[in-house]
Structures are given as structure tokens and as C-alpha cells.
PDB file of all heavy atoms in Angstrom:
ATOM      1  N   ALA A   1     131.273-158.350 -68.427  1.00  0.00           N
ATOM      2  CA  ALA A   1     130.771-159.360 -67.493  1.00  0.00           C
ATOM      3  C   ALA A   1     130.826-158.883 -66.046  1.00  0.00           C
ATOM      4  O   ALA A   1     129.952-159.217 -65.243  1.00  0.00           O
ATOM      5  CB  ALA A   1     131.565-160.650 -67.643  1.00  0.00           C
ATOM      6  N   TYR A   2     131.865-158.094 -65.707  1.00  0.00           N
ATOM      7  CA  TYR A   2     132.053-157.702 -64.310  1.00  0.00           C
ATOM      8  C   TYR A   2     131.838-156.211 -64.093  1.00  0.00           C
ATOM      9  O   TYR A   2     132.359-155.623 -63.144  1.00  0.00           O
ATOM     10  CB  TYR A   2     133.461-158.100 -63.854  1.00  0.00           C
ATOM     11  CG  TYR A   2     133.772-159.556 -64.116  1.00  0.00           C
ATOM     12  CD1 TYR A   2     134.810-159.937 -64.961  1.00  0.00           C
ATOM     13  CD2 TYR A   2     132.999-160.558 -63.540  1.00  0.00           C
ATOM     14  CE1 TYR A   2     135.076-161.271 -65.210  1.00  0.00           C
ATOM     15  CE2 TYR A   2     133.256-161.901 -63.785  1.00  0.00           C
ATOM     16  CZ  TYR A   2     134.300-162.248 -64.623  1.00  0.00           C
ATOM     17  OH  TYR A   2     134.555-163.572 -64.873  1.00  0.00           O
ATOM     18  N   ALA A   3     131.051-155.606 -64.958  1.00  0.00           N
ATOM     19  CA  ALA A   3     130.813-154.162 -64.841  1.00  0.00           C
ATOM     20  C   ALA A   3     130.080-153.816 -63.555  1.00  0.00           C
ATOM     21  O   ALA A   3     130.250-152.721 -63.008  1.00  0.00           O
ATOM     22  CB  ALA A   3     130.023-153.659 -66.054  1.00  0.00           C
ATOM     23  N   ILE A   4     129.240-154.747 -63.055  1.00  0.00           N
ATOM     24  CA  ILE A   4     128.445-154.457 -61.856  1.00  0.00           C
ATOM     25  C   ILE A   4     129.110-155.007 -60.596  1.00  0.00           C
ATOM     26  O   ILE A   4     128.459-155.156 -59.559  1.00  0.00           O
ATOM     27  CB  ILE A   4     127.025-155.036 -61.993  1.00  0.00           C
ATOM     28  CG1 ILE A   4     127.069-156.568 -62.075  1.00  0.00           C
ATOM     29  CG2 ILE A   4     126.311-154.453 -63.197  1.00  0.00           C
ATOM     30  CD1 ILE A   4     125.711-157.217 -61.956  1.00  0.00           C
ATOM     31  N   ASP A   5     130.389-155.310 -60.662  1.00  0.00           N
ATOM     32  CA  ASP A   5     131.090-155.904 -59.520  1.00  0.00           C
ATOM     33  C   ASP A   5     130.945-155.030 -58.270  1.00  0.00           C
ATOM     34  O   ASP A   5     130.518-155.499 -57.206  1.00  0.00           O
ATOM     35  CB  ASP A   5     132.567-156.086 -59.874  1.00  0.00           C
ATOM     36  CG  ASP A   5     133.288-156.967 -58.871  1.00  0.00           C
ATOM     37  OD1 ASP A   5     132.779-157.128 -57.752  1.00  0.00           O
ATOM     38  OD2 ASP A   5     134.365-157.493 -59.196  1.00  0.00           O
ATOM     39  N   ARG A   6     131.295-153.766 -58.382  1.00  0.00           N
ATOM     40  CA  ARG A   6     131.228-152.875 -57.216  1.00  0.00           C
ATOM     41  C   ARG A   6     129.784-152.661 -56.778  1.00  0.00           C
ATOM     42  O   ARG A   6     129.479-152.650 -55.576  1.00  0.00           O
ATOM     43  CB  ARG A   6     131.882-151.532 -57.561  1.00  0.00           C
ATOM     44  CG  ARG A   6     131.946-150.560 -56.397  1.00  0.00           C
ATOM     45  CD  ARG A   6     132.694-149.293 -56.780  1.00  0.00           C
ATOM     46  NE  ARG A   6     134.063-149.592 -57.187  1.00  0.00           N
ATOM     47  CZ  ARG A   6     134.919-148.669 -57.620  1.00  0.00           C
ATOM     48  NH1 ARG A   6     134.540-147.407 -57.737  1.00  0.00           N
ATOM     49  NH2 ARG A   6     136.146-149.012 -57.968  1.00  0.00           N
ATOM     50  N   PHE A   7     128.888-152.518 -57.739  1.00  0.00           N
ATOM     51  CA  PHE A   7     127.473-152.325 -57.412  1.00  0.00           C
ATOM     52  C   PHE A   7     126.925-153.554 -56.692  1.00  0.00           C
ATOM     53  O   PHE A   7     126.151-153.441 -55.727  1.00  0.00           O
ATOM     54  CB  PHE A   7     126.686-152.069 -58.698  1.00  0.00           C
ATOM     55  CG  PHE A   7     125.209-151.895 -58.496  1.00  0.00           C
ATOM     56  CD1 PHE A   7     124.706-150.813 -57.797  1.00  0.00           C
ATOM     57  CD2 PHE A   7     124.320-152.828 -59.013  1.00  0.00           C
ATOM     58  CE1 PHE A   7     123.342-150.650 -57.610  1.00  0.00           C
ATOM     59  CE2 PHE A   7     122.956-152.678 -58.839  1.00  0.00           C
ATOM     60  CZ  PHE A   7     122.468-151.581 -58.133  1.00  0.00           C
ATOM     61  N   ALA A   8     127.329-154.754 -57.151  1.00  0.00           N
ATOM     62  CA  ALA A   8     126.873-155.988 -56.510  1.00  0.00           C
ATOM     63  C   ALA A   8     127.364-156.064 -55.074  1.00  0.00           C
ATOM     64  O   ALA A   8     126.620-156.449 -54.162  1.00  0.00           O
ATOM     65  CB  ALA A   8     127.355-157.199 -57.309  1.00  0.00           C
ATOM     66  N   ASN A   9     128.618-155.694 -54.850  1.00  0.00           N
ATOM     67  CA  ASN A   9     129.154-155.699 -53.491  1.00  0.00           C
ATOM     68  C   ASN A   9     128.378-154.757 -52.577  1.00  0.00           C
ATOM     69  O   ASN A   9     128.199-155.043 -51.387  1.00  0.00           O
ATOM     70  CB  ASN A   9     130.635-155.316 -53.507  1.00  0.00           C
ATOM     71  CG  ASN A   9     131.543-156.512 -53.717  1.00  0.00           C
ATOM     72  OD1 ASN A   9     131.511-157.459 -52.939  1.00  0.00           O
ATOM     73  ND2 ASN A   9     132.334-156.490 -54.771  1.00  0.00           N
ATOM     74  N   ASP A  10     127.920-153.637 -53.117  1.00  0.00           N
ATOM     75  CA  ASP A  10     127.149-152.697 -52.309  1.00  0.00           C
ATOM     76  C   ASP A  10     125.762-153.238 -51.971  1.00  0.00           C
ATOM     77  O   ASP A  10     125.179-152.881 -50.934  1.00  0.00           O
ATOM     78  CB  ASP A  10     127.016-151.360 -53.044  1.00  0.00           C
ATOM     79  CG  ASP A  10     128.345-150.623 -53.147  1.00  0.00           C
ATOM     80  OD1 ASP A  10     129.262-150.946 -52.357  1.00  0.00           O
ATOM     81  OD2 ASP A  10     128.482-149.752 -54.034  1.00  0.00           O
ATOM     82  N   LEU A  11     125.216-154.106 -52.830  1.00  0.00           N
ATOM     83  CA  LEU A  11     123.877-154.640 -52.601  1.00  0.00           C
ATOM     84  C   LEU A  11     123.862-155.886 -51.729  1.00  0.00           C
ATOM     85  O   LEU A  11     122.824-156.230 -51.166  1.00  0.00           O
ATOM     86  CB  LEU A  11     123.200-154.965 -53.936  1.00  0.00           C
ATOM     87  CG  LEU A  11     122.591-153.785 -54.702  1.00  0.00           C
ATOM     88  CD1 LEU A  11     121.945-154.288 -55.978  1.00  0.00           C
ATOM     89  CD2 LEU A  11     121.560-153.057 -53.851  1.00  0.00           C
ATOM     90  N   LEU A  12     124.978-156.574 -51.616  1.00  0.00           N
ATOM     91  CA  LEU A  12     124.994-157.817 -50.858  1.00  0.00           C
ATOM     92  C   LEU A  12     124.587-157.632 -49.397  1.00  0.00           C
ATOM     93  O   LEU A  12     123.867-158.477 -48.849  1.00  0.00           O
ATOM     94  CB  LEU A  12     126.377-158.469 -50.951  1.00  0.00           C
ATOM     95  CG  LEU A  12     126.771-158.994 -52.331  1.00  0.00           C
ATOM     96  CD1 LEU A  12     128.108-159.709 -52.270  1.00  0.00           C
ATOM     97  CD2 LEU A  12     125.703-159.912 -52.897  1.00  0.00           C
ATOM     98  N   PRO A  13     125.000-156.568 -48.709  1.00  0.00           N
ATOM     99  CA  PRO A  13     124.527-156.386 -47.328  1.00  0.00           C
ATOM    100  C   PRO A  13     123.008-156.256 -47.229  1.00  0.00           C
ATOM    101  O   PRO A  13     122.415-156.666 -46.218  1.00  0.00           O
ATOM    102  CB  PRO A  13     125.224-155.085 -46.887  1.00  0.00           C
ATOM    103  CG  PRO A  13     126.452-155.019 -47.727  1.00  0.00           C
ATOM    104  CD  PRO A  13     126.047-155.574 -49.042  1.00  0.00           C
ATOM    105  N   VAL A  14     122.371-155.711 -48.257  1.00  0.00           N
ATOM    106  CA  VAL A  14     120.905-155.623 -48.253  1.00  0.00           C
ATOM    107  C   VAL A  14     120.308-157.024 -48.268  1.00  0.00           C
ATOM    108  O   VAL A  14     119.379-157.346 -47.510  1.00  0.00           O
ATOM    109  CB  VAL A  14     120.415-154.799 -49.454  1.00  0.00           C
ATOM    110  CG1 VAL A  14     118.892-154.721 -49.464  1.00  0.00           C
ATOM    111  CG2 VAL A  14     121.022-153.404 -49.439  1.00  0.00           C
ATOM    112  N   ALA A  15     120.833-157.882 -49.133  1.00  0.00           N
ATOM    113  CA  ALA A  15     120.361-159.268 -49.177  1.00  0.00           C
ATOM    114  C   ALA A  15     120.630-159.977 -47.858  1.00  0.00           C
ATOM    115  O   ALA A  15     119.795-160.764 -47.384  1.00  0.00           O
ATOM    116  CB  ALA A  15     121.044-160.010 -50.328  1.00  0.00           C
ATOM    117  N   ASP A  16     121.796-159.703 -47.238  1.00  0.00           N
ATOM    118  CA  ASP A  16     122.107-160.319 -45.947  1.00  0.00           C
ATOM    119  C   ASP A  16     121.085-159.914 -44.888  1.00  0.00           C
ATOM    120  O   ASP A  16     120.609-160.741 -44.109  1.00  0.00           O
ATOM    121  CB  ASP A  16     123.508-159.903 -45.493  1.00  0.00           C
ATOM    122  CG  ASP A  16     124.597-160.441 -46.408  1.00  0.00           C
ATOM    123  OD1 ASP A  16     124.346-161.437 -47.110  1.00  0.00           O
ATOM    124  OD2 ASP A  16     125.693-159.856 -46.411  1.00  0.00           O
ATOM    125  N   ASN A  17     120.736-158.635 -44.839  1.00  0.00           N
ATOM    126  CA  ASN A  17     119.797-158.151 -43.823  1.00  0.00           C
ATOM    127  C   ASN A  17     118.396-158.716 -44.040  1.00  0.00           C
ATOM    128  O   ASN A  17     117.682-159.011 -43.073  1.00  0.00           O
ATOM    129  CB  ASN A  17     119.763-156.619 -43.822  1.00  0.00           C
ATOM    130  CG  ASN A  17     121.059-156.027 -43.284  1.00  0.00           C
ATOM    131  OD1 ASN A  17     121.732-156.644 -42.465  1.00  0.00           O
ATOM    132  ND2 ASN A  17     121.409-154.839 -43.756  1.00  0.00           N
ATOM    133  N   LEU A  18     117.998-158.874 -45.281  1.00  0.00           N
ATOM    134  CA  LEU A  18     116.698-159.498 -45.549  1.00  0.00           C
ATOM    135  C   LEU A  18     116.679-160.940 -45.047  1.00  0.00           C
ATOM    136  O   LEU A  18     115.703-161.386 -44.435  1.00  0.00           O
ATOM    137  CB  LEU A  18     116.392-159.458 -47.049  1.00  0.00           C
ATOM    138  CG  LEU A  18     116.065-158.085 -47.641  1.00  0.00           C
ATOM    139  CD1 LEU A  18     115.950-158.183 -49.156  1.00  0.00           C
ATOM    140  CD2 LEU A  18     114.770-157.533 -47.052  1.00  0.00           C
ATOM    141  N   ARG A  19     117.760-161.671 -45.289  1.00  0.00           N
ATOM    142  CA  ARG A  19     117.825-163.052 -44.824  1.00  0.00           C
ATOM    143  C   ARG A  19     117.831-163.116 -43.298  1.00  0.00           C
ATOM    144  O   ARG A  19     117.161-163.963 -42.691  1.00  0.00           O
ATOM    145  CB  ARG A  19     119.087-163.703 -45.417  1.00  0.00           C
ATOM    146  CG  ARG A  19     119.421-165.107 -44.950  1.00  0.00           C
ATOM    147  CD  ARG A  19     118.302-166.100 -44.933  1.00  0.00           C
ATOM    148  NE  ARG A  19     117.407-166.052 -46.077  1.00  0.00           N
ATOM    149  CZ  ARG A  19     116.306-166.778 -46.182  1.00  0.00           C
ATOM    150  NH1 ARG A  19     115.941-167.577 -45.187  1.00  0.00           N
ATOM    151  NH2 ARG A  19     115.545-166.687 -47.250  1.00  0.00           N
ATOM    152  N   ARG A  20     118.564-162.219 -42.658  1.00  0.00           N
ATOM    153  CA  ARG A  20     118.592-162.206 -41.186  1.00  0.00           C
ATOM    154  C   ARG A  20     117.213-161.894 -40.621  1.00  0.00           C
ATOM    155  O   ARG A  20     116.802-162.468 -39.604  1.00  0.00           O
ATOM    156  CB  ARG A  20     119.609-161.175 -40.696  1.00  0.00           C
ATOM    157  CG  ARG A  20     121.059-161.514 -41.014  1.00  0.00           C
ATOM    158  CD  ARG A  20     122.023-160.577 -40.326  1.00  0.00           C
ATOM    159  NE  ARG A  20     123.394-160.792 -40.749  1.00  0.00           N
ATOM    160  CZ  ARG A  20     124.041-160.021 -41.596  1.00  0.00           C
ATOM    161  NH1 ARG A  20     123.437-158.953 -42.120  1.00  0.00           N
ATOM    162  NH2 ARG A  20     125.285-160.285 -41.933  1.00  0.00           N
ATOM    163  N   ALA A  21     116.494-160.972 -41.262  1.00  0.00           N
ATOM    164  CA  ALA A  21     115.152-160.629 -40.786  1.00  0.00           C
ATOM    165  C   ALA A  21     114.218-161.825 -40.888  1.00  0.00           C
ATOM    166  O   ALA A  21     113.412-162.081 -39.985  1.00  0.00           O
ATOM    167  CB  ALA A  21     114.608-159.454 -41.592  1.00  0.00           C
ATOM    168  N   ILE A  22     114.337-162.589 -41.965  1.00  0.00           N
ATOM    169  CA  ILE A  22     113.482-163.771 -42.140  1.00  0.00           C
ATOM    170  C   ILE A  22     113.822-164.837 -41.112  1.00  0.00           C
ATOM    171  O   ILE A  22     112.938-165.449 -40.490  1.00  0.00           O
ATOM    172  CB  ILE A  22     113.628-164.310 -43.573  1.00  0.00           C
ATOM    173  CG1 ILE A  22     113.089-163.286 -44.579  1.00  0.00           C
ATOM    174  CG2 ILE A  22     112.929-165.656 -43.733  1.00  0.00           C
ATOM    175  CD1 ILE A  22     113.381-163.629 -46.023  1.00  0.00           C
ATOM    176  N   GLU A  23     115.111-165.065 -40.902  1.00  0.00           N
ATOM    177  CA  GLU A  23     115.527-166.117 -39.978  1.00  0.00           C
ATOM    178  C   GLU A  23     115.282-165.732 -38.523  1.00  0.00           C
ATOM    179  O   GLU A  23     115.237-166.605 -37.645  1.00  0.00           O
ATOM    180  CB  GLU A  23     117.011-166.436 -40.198  1.00  0.00           C
ATOM    181  CG  GLU A  23     117.298-167.091 -41.545  1.00  0.00           C
ATOM    182  CD  GLU A  23     118.775-167.312 -41.772  1.00  0.00           C
ATOM    183  OE1 GLU A  23     119.584-166.764 -40.980  1.00  0.00           O
ATOM    184  OE2 GLU A  23     119.125-168.032 -42.734  1.00  0.00           O
ATOM    185  N   ALA A  24     115.156-164.434 -38.248  1.00  0.00           N
ATOM    186  CA  ALA A  24     114.950-163.997 -36.864  1.00  0.00           C
ATOM    187  C   ALA A  24     113.536-164.260 -36.367  1.00  0.00           C
ATOM    188  O   ALA A  24     113.289-164.225 -35.160  1.00  0.00           O
ATOM    189  CB  ALA A  24     115.270-162.508 -36.744  1.00  0.00           C
ATOM    190  N   VAL A  25     112.579-164.523 -37.257  1.00  0.00           N
ATOM    191  CA  VAL A  25     111.187-164.758 -36.866  1.00  0.00           C
ATOM    192  C   VAL A  25     111.008-166.229 -36.536  1.00  0.00           C
ATOM    193  O   VAL A  25     111.217-167.084 -37.396  1.00  0.00           O
ATOM    194  CB  VAL A  25     110.230-164.330 -37.991  1.00  0.00           C
ATOM    195  CG1 VAL A  25     108.785-164.604 -37.593  1.00  0.00           C
ATOM    196  CG2 VAL A  25     110.419-162.857 -38.314  1.00  0.00           C
ATOM    197  N   PRO A  26     110.615-166.552 -35.300  1.00  0.00           N
ATOM    198  CA  PRO A  26     110.388-167.963 -34.954  1.00  0.00           C
ATOM    199  C   PRO A  26     109.242-168.549 -35.771  1.00  0.00           C
ATOM    200  O   PRO A  26     108.347-167.833 -36.224  1.00  0.00           O
ATOM    201  CB  PRO A  26     110.040-167.910 -33.453  1.00  0.00           C
ATOM    202  CG  PRO A  26     110.517-166.581 -32.985  1.00  0.00           C
ATOM    203  CD  PRO A  26     110.413-165.659 -34.159  1.00  0.00           C
ATOM    204  N   ALA A  27     109.272-169.846 -35.937  1.00  0.00           N
ATOM    205  CA  ALA A  27     108.247-170.509 -36.743  1.00  0.00           C
ATOM    206  C   ALA A  27     106.865-170.351 -36.134  1.00  0.00           C
ATOM    207  O   ALA A  27     105.874-170.154 -36.845  1.00  0.00           O
ATOM    208  CB  ALA A  27     108.592-171.985 -36.902  1.00  0.00           C
ATOM    209  N   ASP A  28     106.787-170.377 -34.785  1.00  0.00           N
ATOM    210  CA  ASP A  28     105.473-170.262 -34.157  1.00  0.00           C
ATOM    211  C   ASP A  28     104.908-168.853 -34.238  1.00  0.00           C
ATOM    212  O   ASP A  28     103.705-168.646 -34.049  1.00  0.00           O
ATOM    213  CB  ASP A  28     105.538-170.718 -32.696  1.00  0.00           C
ATOM    214  CG  ASP A  28     106.607-169.963 -31.903  1.00  0.00           C
ATOM    215  OD1 ASP A  28     107.284-169.095 -32.503  1.00  0.00           O
ATOM    216  OD2 ASP A  28     106.770-170.257 -30.703  1.00  0.00           O
ATOM    217  N   ALA A  29     105.761-167.863 -34.546  1.00  0.00           N
ATOM    218  CA  ALA A  29     105.271-166.489 -34.635  1.00  0.00           C
ATOM    219  C   ALA A  29     104.487-166.241 -35.917  1.00  0.00           C
ATOM    220  O   ALA A  29     103.810-165.215 -36.048  1.00  0.00           O
ATOM    221  CB  ALA A  29     106.451-165.517 -34.554  1.00  0.00           C
ATOM    222  N   ARG A  30     104.584-167.141 -36.872  1.00  0.00           N
ATOM    223  CA  ARG A  30     103.841-166.973 -38.122  1.00  0.00           C
ATOM    224  C   ARG A  30     102.331-167.064 -37.907  1.00  0.00           C
ATOM    225  O   ARG A  30     101.559-166.690 -38.784  1.00  0.00           O
ATOM    226  CB  ARG A  30     104.274-168.022 -39.141  1.00  0.00           C
ATOM    227  CG  ARG A  30     105.627-167.741 -39.771  1.00  0.00           C
ATOM    228  CD  ARG A  30     105.970-168.794 -40.800  1.00  0.00           C
ATOM    229  NE  ARG A  30     107.181-168.465 -41.532  1.00  0.00           N
ATOM    230  CZ  ARG A  30     107.203-167.773 -42.663  1.00  0.00           C
ATOM    231  NH1 ARG A  30     106.066-167.327 -43.189  1.00  0.00           N
ATOM    232  NH2 ARG A  30     108.343-167.503 -43.284  1.00  0.00           N
ATOM    233  N   SER A  31     101.940-167.580 -36.758  1.00  0.00           N
ATOM    234  CA  SER A  31     100.504-167.643 -36.474  1.00  0.00           C
ATOM    235  C   SER A  31      99.894-166.262 -36.275  1.00  0.00           C
ATOM    236  O   SER A  31      98.682-166.091 -36.406  1.00  0.00           O
ATOM    237  CB  SER A  31     100.257-168.508 -35.229  1.00  0.00           C
ATOM    238  OG  SER A  31     100.946-167.963 -34.100  1.00  0.00           O
ATOM    239  N   GLN A  32     100.739-165.288 -36.005  1.00  0.00           N
ATOM    240  CA  GLN A  32     100.251-163.908 -35.874  1.00  0.00           C
ATOM    241  C   GLN A  32     100.110-163.312 -37.275  1.00  0.00           C
ATOM    242  O   GLN A  32     101.080-163.207 -38.016  1.00  0.00           O
ATOM    243  CB  GLN A  32     101.219-163.070 -35.029  1.00  0.00           C
ATOM    244  CG  GLN A  32     101.468-163.642 -33.631  1.00  0.00           C
ATOM    245  CD  GLN A  32     102.471-162.833 -32.857  1.00  0.00           C
ATOM    246  OE1 GLN A  32     102.677-161.651 -33.139  1.00  0.00           O
ATOM    247  NE2 GLN A  32     103.101-163.453 -31.853  1.00  0.00           N
ATOM    248  N   GLU A  33      98.901-162.930 -37.579  1.00  0.00           N
ATOM    249  CA  GLU A  33      98.605-162.525 -38.955  1.00  0.00           C
ATOM    250  C   GLU A  33      99.432-161.333 -39.407  1.00  0.00           C
ATOM    251  O   GLU A  33      99.992-161.321 -40.506  1.00  0.00           O
ATOM    252  CB  GLU A  33      97.109-162.201 -39.077  1.00  0.00           C
ATOM    253  CG  GLU A  33      96.699-161.841 -40.497  1.00  0.00           C
ATOM    254  CD  GLU A  33      95.207-161.597 -40.608  1.00  0.00           C
ATOM    255  OE1 GLU A  33      94.493-161.799 -39.616  1.00  0.00           O
ATOM    256  OE2 GLU A  33      94.778-161.195 -41.704  1.00  0.00           O
TER     257      GLU A  33
END
């Protein structure tokens, strides 16, 4: 069940950075194609 524990911990910062990139874009900037 926990074989990927260390691998998951290594991937979590990638997910964090993707979320930060999405949240960093203002809503009005989506009008730019």
C-alpha cells in the first residue's frame, strides 16, 4: 500500500507548483488567448 510513499513525496512539489502557476494568473488575464 505504501510502496510509493517516497516517490509520492517527491512528486508533491510538482503538483504544488502547478497549482501556484494556475492561481498566479488573474481572472481578467484569461481574455488573452
